[in-house]
Amino acid sequence: MLAILKRYSLALLFLLIVVVLMLAGTMGVMSFGDKMLKDSGVEMEPMKPRGEDLTR
């Protein structure tokens, strides 16, 4: 087990960095979108589907 960690430690580190950067980017975009929507003054209602219920 220790040999596997030694062999792939750099790859795992890069993978962890990529995951953290993707999460930070997603949170930043969500925050930016929410702020833009709030600043526009448009009231958002919860979306309600129109039409038939296909899951009956």
PDB file of N, CA and C in Angstrom:
ATOM      1  N   MET A   1       0.833  -1.195   0.000  1.00  0.00           N
ATOM      2  CA  MET A   1       0.000   0.000   0.000  1.00  0.00           C
ATOM      3  C   MET A   1       0.875   1.255   0.000  1.00  0.00           C
ATOM      4  N   LEU A   2       1.914   1.248   0.783  1.00  0.00           N
ATOM      5  CA  LEU A   2       2.807   2.406   0.860  1.00  0.00           C
ATOM      6  C   LEU A   2       3.543   2.618  -0.462  1.00  0.00           C
ATOM      7  N   ALA A   3       3.880   1.527  -1.135  1.00  0.00           N
ATOM      8  CA  ALA A   3       4.562   1.643  -2.426  1.00  0.00           C
ATOM      9  C   ALA A   3       3.645   2.283  -3.459  1.00  0.00           C
ATOM     10  N   ILE A   4       2.369   1.949  -3.407  1.00  0.00           N
ATOM     11  CA  ILE A   4       1.396   2.539  -4.344  1.00  0.00           C
ATOM     12  C   ILE A   4       1.267   4.040  -4.082  1.00  0.00           C
ATOM     13  N   LEU A   5       1.199   4.426  -2.812  1.00  0.00           N
ATOM     14  CA  LEU A   5       1.102   5.847  -2.484  1.00  0.00           C
ATOM     15  C   LEU A   5       2.336   6.607  -2.923  1.00  0.00           C
ATOM     16  N   LYS A   6       3.503   6.007  -2.762  1.00  0.00           N
ATOM     17  CA  LYS A   6       4.733   6.664  -3.198  1.00  0.00           C
ATOM     18  C   LYS A   6       4.754   6.827  -4.715  1.00  0.00           C
ATOM     19  N   ARG A   7       4.284   5.814  -5.415  1.00  0.00           N
ATOM     20  CA  ARG A   7       4.340   5.840  -6.872  1.00  0.00           C
ATOM     21  C   ARG A   7       3.384   6.874  -7.455  1.00  0.00           C
ATOM     22  N   TYR A   8       2.194   6.949  -6.892  1.00  0.00           N
ATOM     23  CA  TYR A   8       1.160   7.805  -7.469  1.00  0.00           C
ATOM     24  C   TYR A   8       0.899   9.080  -6.671  1.00  0.00           C
ATOM     25  N   SER A   9       1.775   9.439  -5.759  1.00  0.00           N
ATOM     26  CA  SER A   9       1.529  10.592  -4.899  1.00  0.00           C
ATOM     27  C   SER A   9       1.447  11.899  -5.691  1.00  0.00           C
ATOM     28  N   LEU A  10       2.298  12.079  -6.696  1.00  0.00           N
ATOM     29  CA  LEU A  10       2.263  13.310  -7.483  1.00  0.00           C
ATOM     30  C   LEU A  10       0.975  13.383  -8.311  1.00  0.00           C
ATOM     31  N   ALA A  11       0.572  12.264  -8.880  1.00  0.00           N
ATOM     32  CA  ALA A  11      -0.672  12.246  -9.657  1.00  0.00           C
ATOM     33  C   ALA A  11      -1.873  12.523  -8.756  1.00  0.00           C
ATOM     34  N   LEU A  12      -1.879  11.955  -7.569  1.00  0.00           N
ATOM     35  CA  LEU A  12      -2.976  12.203  -6.640  1.00  0.00           C
ATOM     36  C   LEU A  12      -3.003  13.651  -6.174  1.00  0.00           C
ATOM     37  N   LEU A  13      -1.828  14.240  -5.998  1.00  0.00           N
ATOM     38  CA  LEU A  13      -1.750  15.647  -5.618  1.00  0.00           C
ATOM     39  C   LEU A  13      -2.334  16.536  -6.720  1.00  0.00           C
ATOM     40  N   PHE A  14      -1.965  16.269  -7.973  1.00  0.00           N
ATOM     41  CA  PHE A  14      -2.518  17.040  -9.082  1.00  0.00           C
ATOM     42  C   PHE A  14      -4.023  16.854  -9.188  1.00  0.00           C
ATOM     43  N   LEU A  15      -4.486  15.635  -8.986  1.00  0.00           N
ATOM     44  CA  LEU A  15      -5.924  15.364  -9.024  1.00  0.00           C
ATOM     45  C   LEU A  15      -6.647  16.139  -7.935  1.00  0.00           C
ATOM     46  N   LEU A  16      -6.100  16.187  -6.750  1.00  0.00           N
ATOM     47  CA  LEU A  16      -6.707  16.935  -5.653  1.00  0.00           C
ATOM     48  C   LEU A  16      -6.740  18.434  -5.961  1.00  0.00           C
ATOM     49  N   ILE A  17      -5.659  18.949  -6.544  1.00  0.00           N
ATOM     50  CA  ILE A  17      -5.615  20.365  -6.912  1.00  0.00           C
ATOM     51  C   ILE A  17      -6.672  20.682  -7.962  1.00  0.00           C
ATOM     52  N   VAL A  18      -6.825  19.811  -8.950  1.00  0.00           N
ATOM     53  CA  VAL A  18      -7.826  20.020  -9.996  1.00  0.00           C
ATOM     54  C   VAL A  18      -9.229  20.015  -9.406  1.00  0.00           C
ATOM     55  N   VAL A  19      -9.509  19.090  -8.501  1.00  0.00           N
ATOM     56  CA  VAL A  19     -10.831  19.015  -7.882  1.00  0.00           C
ATOM     57  C   VAL A  19     -11.120  20.280  -7.076  1.00  0.00           C
ATOM     58  N   VAL A  20     -10.152  20.741  -6.306  1.00  0.00           N
ATOM     59  CA  VAL A  20     -10.341  21.945  -5.497  1.00  0.00           C
ATOM     60  C   VAL A  20     -10.568  23.160  -6.394  1.00  0.00           C
ATOM     61  N   LEU A  21      -9.792  23.287  -7.470  1.00  0.00           N
ATOM     62  CA  LEU A  21      -9.971  24.413  -8.385  1.00  0.00           C
ATOM     63  C   LEU A  21     -11.329  24.363  -9.079  1.00  0.00           C
ATOM     64  N   MET A  22     -11.792  23.177  -9.441  1.00  0.00           N
ATOM     65  CA  MET A  22     -13.108  23.057 -10.074  1.00  0.00           C
ATOM     66  C   MET A  22     -14.218  23.447  -9.107  1.00  0.00           C
ATOM     67  N   LEU A  23     -14.100  23.031  -7.863  1.00  0.00           N
ATOM     68  CA  LEU A  23     -15.106  23.404  -6.867  1.00  0.00           C
ATOM     69  C   LEU A  23     -15.096  24.910  -6.625  1.00  0.00           C
ATOM     70  N   ALA A  24     -13.914  25.500  -6.537  1.00  0.00           N
ATOM     71  CA  ALA A  24     -13.823  26.945  -6.321  1.00  0.00           C
ATOM     72  C   ALA A  24     -14.405  27.703  -7.514  1.00  0.00           C
ATOM     73  N   GLY A  25     -14.143  27.250  -8.717  1.00  0.00           N
ATOM     74  CA  GLY A  25     -14.696  27.882  -9.905  1.00  0.00           C
ATOM     75  C   GLY A  25     -16.204  27.784  -9.950  1.00  0.00           C
ATOM     76  N   THR A  26     -16.740  26.620  -9.595  1.00  0.00           N
ATOM     77  CA  THR A  26     -18.191  26.428  -9.578  1.00  0.00           C
ATOM     78  C   THR A  26     -18.842  27.345  -8.560  1.00  0.00           C
ATOM     79  N   MET A  27     -18.271  27.427  -7.374  1.00  0.00           N
ATOM     80  CA  MET A  27     -18.832  28.301  -6.342  1.00  0.00           C
ATOM     81  C   MET A  27     -18.745  29.768  -6.768  1.00  0.00           C
ATOM     82  N   GLY A  28     -17.643  30.147  -7.417  1.00  0.00           N
ATOM     83  CA  GLY A  28     -17.496  31.518  -7.881  1.00  0.00           C
ATOM     84  C   GLY A  28     -18.520  31.886  -8.938  1.00  0.00           C
ATOM     85  N   VAL A  29     -18.765  30.977  -9.884  1.00  0.00           N
ATOM     86  CA  VAL A  29     -19.746  31.235 -10.931  1.00  0.00           C
ATOM     87  C   VAL A  29     -21.150  31.311 -10.343  1.00  0.00           C
ATOM     88  N   MET A  30     -21.449  30.432  -9.400  1.00  0.00           N
ATOM     89  CA  MET A  30     -22.777  30.471  -8.758  1.00  0.00           C
ATOM     90  C   MET A  30     -22.969  31.781  -8.017  1.00  0.00           C
ATOM     91  N   SER A  31     -21.953  32.208  -7.294  1.00  0.00           N
ATOM     92  CA  SER A  31     -22.034  33.460  -6.550  1.00  0.00           C
ATOM     93  C   SER A  31     -22.189  34.645  -7.503  1.00  0.00           C
ATOM     94  N   PHE A  32     -21.416  34.644  -8.588  1.00  0.00           N
ATOM     95  CA  PHE A  32     -21.495  35.718  -9.567  1.00  0.00           C
ATOM     96  C   PHE A  32     -22.881  35.776 -10.207  1.00  0.00           C
ATOM     97  N   GLY A  33     -23.432  34.624 -10.562  1.00  0.00           N
ATOM     98  CA  GLY A  33     -24.763  34.576 -11.168  1.00  0.00           C
ATOM     99  C   GLY A  33     -25.842  35.057 -10.219  1.00  0.00           C
ATOM    100  N   ASP A  34     -25.769  34.636  -8.964  1.00  0.00           N
ATOM    101  CA  ASP A  34     -26.752  35.085  -7.974  1.00  0.00           C
ATOM    102  C   ASP A  34     -26.664  36.591  -7.761  1.00  0.00           C
ATOM    103  N   LYS A  35     -25.440  37.122  -7.720  1.00  0.00           N
ATOM    104  CA  LYS A  35     -25.257  38.568  -7.531  1.00  0.00           C
ATOM    105  C   LYS A  35     -25.783  39.337  -8.738  1.00  0.00           C
ATOM    106  N   MET A  36     -25.523  38.846  -9.942  1.00  0.00           N
ATOM    107  CA  MET A  36     -26.023  39.508 -11.141  1.00  0.00           C
ATOM    108  C   MET A  36     -27.549  39.515 -11.171  1.00  0.00           C
ATOM    109  N   LEU A  37     -28.150  38.397 -10.798  1.00  0.00           N
ATOM    110  CA  LEU A  37     -29.605  38.307 -10.795  1.00  0.00           C
ATOM    111  C   LEU A  37     -30.199  39.244  -9.759  1.00  0.00           C
ATOM    112  N   LYS A  38     -29.563  39.323  -8.592  1.00  0.00           N
ATOM    113  CA  LYS A  38     -30.049  40.217  -7.537  1.00  0.00           C
ATOM    114  C   LYS A  38     -29.921  41.672  -7.970  1.00  0.00           C
ATOM    115  N   ASP A  39     -28.813  42.021  -8.609  1.00  0.00           N
ATOM    116  CA  ASP A  39     -28.579  43.398  -9.043  1.00  0.00           C
ATOM    117  C   ASP A  39     -29.498  43.819 -10.182  1.00  0.00           C
ATOM    118  N   SER A  40     -30.001  42.851 -10.947  1.00  0.00           N
ATOM    119  CA  SER A  40     -30.866  43.208 -12.076  1.00  0.00           C
ATOM    120  C   SER A  40     -32.256  43.611 -11.616  1.00  0.00           C
ATOM    121  N   GLY A  41     -32.642  43.256 -10.415  1.00  0.00           N
ATOM    122  CA  GLY A  41     -33.944  43.632  -9.874  1.00  0.00           C
ATOM    123  C   GLY A  41     -35.086  42.774 -10.381  1.00  0.00           C
ATOM    124  N   VAL A  42     -34.788  41.664 -11.025  1.00  0.00           N
ATOM    125  CA  VAL A  42     -35.836  40.780 -11.530  1.00  0.00           C
ATOM    126  C   VAL A  42     -36.207  39.799 -10.424  1.00  0.00           C
ATOM    127  N   GLU A  43     -37.498  39.724 -10.125  1.00  0.00           N
ATOM    128  CA  GLU A  43     -37.964  38.774  -9.096  1.00  0.00           C
ATOM    129  C   GLU A  43     -38.080  37.401  -9.732  1.00  0.00           C
ATOM    130  N   MET A  44     -37.413  36.439  -9.148  1.00  0.00           N
ATOM    131  CA  MET A  44     -37.499  35.070  -9.661  1.00  0.00           C
ATOM    132  C   MET A  44     -38.506  34.276  -8.846  1.00  0.00           C
ATOM    133  N   GLU A  45     -39.457  33.668  -9.562  1.00  0.00           N
ATOM    134  CA  GLU A  45     -40.414  32.774  -8.918  1.00  0.00           C
ATOM    135  C   GLU A  45     -39.907  31.353  -9.094  1.00  0.00           C
ATOM    136  N   PRO A  46     -40.316  30.469  -8.212  1.00  0.00           N
ATOM    137  CA  PRO A  46     -39.947  29.066  -8.432  1.00  0.00           C
ATOM    138  C   PRO A  46     -40.545  28.573  -9.749  1.00  0.00           C
ATOM    139  N   MET A  47     -39.783  27.804 -10.488  1.00  0.00           N
ATOM    140  CA  MET A  47     -40.257  27.320 -11.781  1.00  0.00           C
ATOM    141  C   MET A  47     -41.309  26.238 -11.577  1.00  0.00           C
ATOM    142  N   LYS A  48     -42.388  26.348 -12.330  1.00  0.00           N
ATOM    143  CA  LYS A  48     -43.456  25.353 -12.269  1.00  0.00           C
ATOM    144  C   LYS A  48     -43.633  24.785 -13.672  1.00  0.00           C
ATOM    145  N   PRO A  49     -43.583  23.484 -13.815  1.00  0.00           N
ATOM    146  CA  PRO A  49     -43.730  22.897 -15.150  1.00  0.00           C
ATOM    147  C   PRO A  49     -45.154  23.052 -15.672  1.00  0.00           C
ATOM    148  N   ARG A  50     -45.258  23.245 -16.982  1.00  0.00           N
ATOM    149  CA  ARG A  50     -46.555  23.295 -17.617  1.00  0.00           C
ATOM    150  C   ARG A  50     -46.733  21.992 -18.379  1.00  0.00           C
ATOM    151  N   GLY A  51     -47.977  21.616 -18.589  1.00  0.00           N
ATOM    152  CA  GLY A  51     -48.242  20.439 -19.404  1.00  0.00           C
ATOM    153  C   GLY A  51     -48.596  19.225 -18.568  1.00  0.00           C
ATOM    154  N   GLU A  52     -48.540  18.104 -19.223  1.00  0.00           N
ATOM    155  CA  GLU A  52     -48.970  16.860 -18.595  1.00  0.00           C
ATOM    156  C   GLU A  52     -47.894  16.297 -17.673  1.00  0.00           C
ATOM    157  N   ASP A  53     -48.363  15.540 -16.691  1.00  0.00           N
ATOM    158  CA  ASP A  53     -47.445  14.805 -15.824  1.00  0.00           C
ATOM    159  C   ASP A  53     -47.158  13.466 -16.482  1.00  0.00           C
ATOM    160  N   LEU A  54     -45.939  13.269 -16.942  1.00  0.00           N
ATOM    161  CA  LEU A  54     -45.602  12.068 -17.701  1.00  0.00           C
ATOM    162  C   LEU A  54     -45.223  10.892 -16.810  1.00  0.00           C
ATOM    163  N   THR A  55     -45.131  11.104 -15.497  1.00  0.00           N
ATOM    164  CA  THR A  55     -44.682  10.023 -14.620  1.00  0.00           C
ATOM    165  C   THR A  55     -45.842   9.268 -13.981  1.00  0.00           C
ATOM    166  N   ARG A  56     -47.056   9.512 -14.427  1.00  0.00           N
ATOM    167  CA  ARG A  56     -48.202   8.784 -13.849  1.00  0.00           C
ATOM    168  C   ARG A  56     -48.262   7.374 -14.327  1.00  0.00           C
TER     169      ARG A  56
END
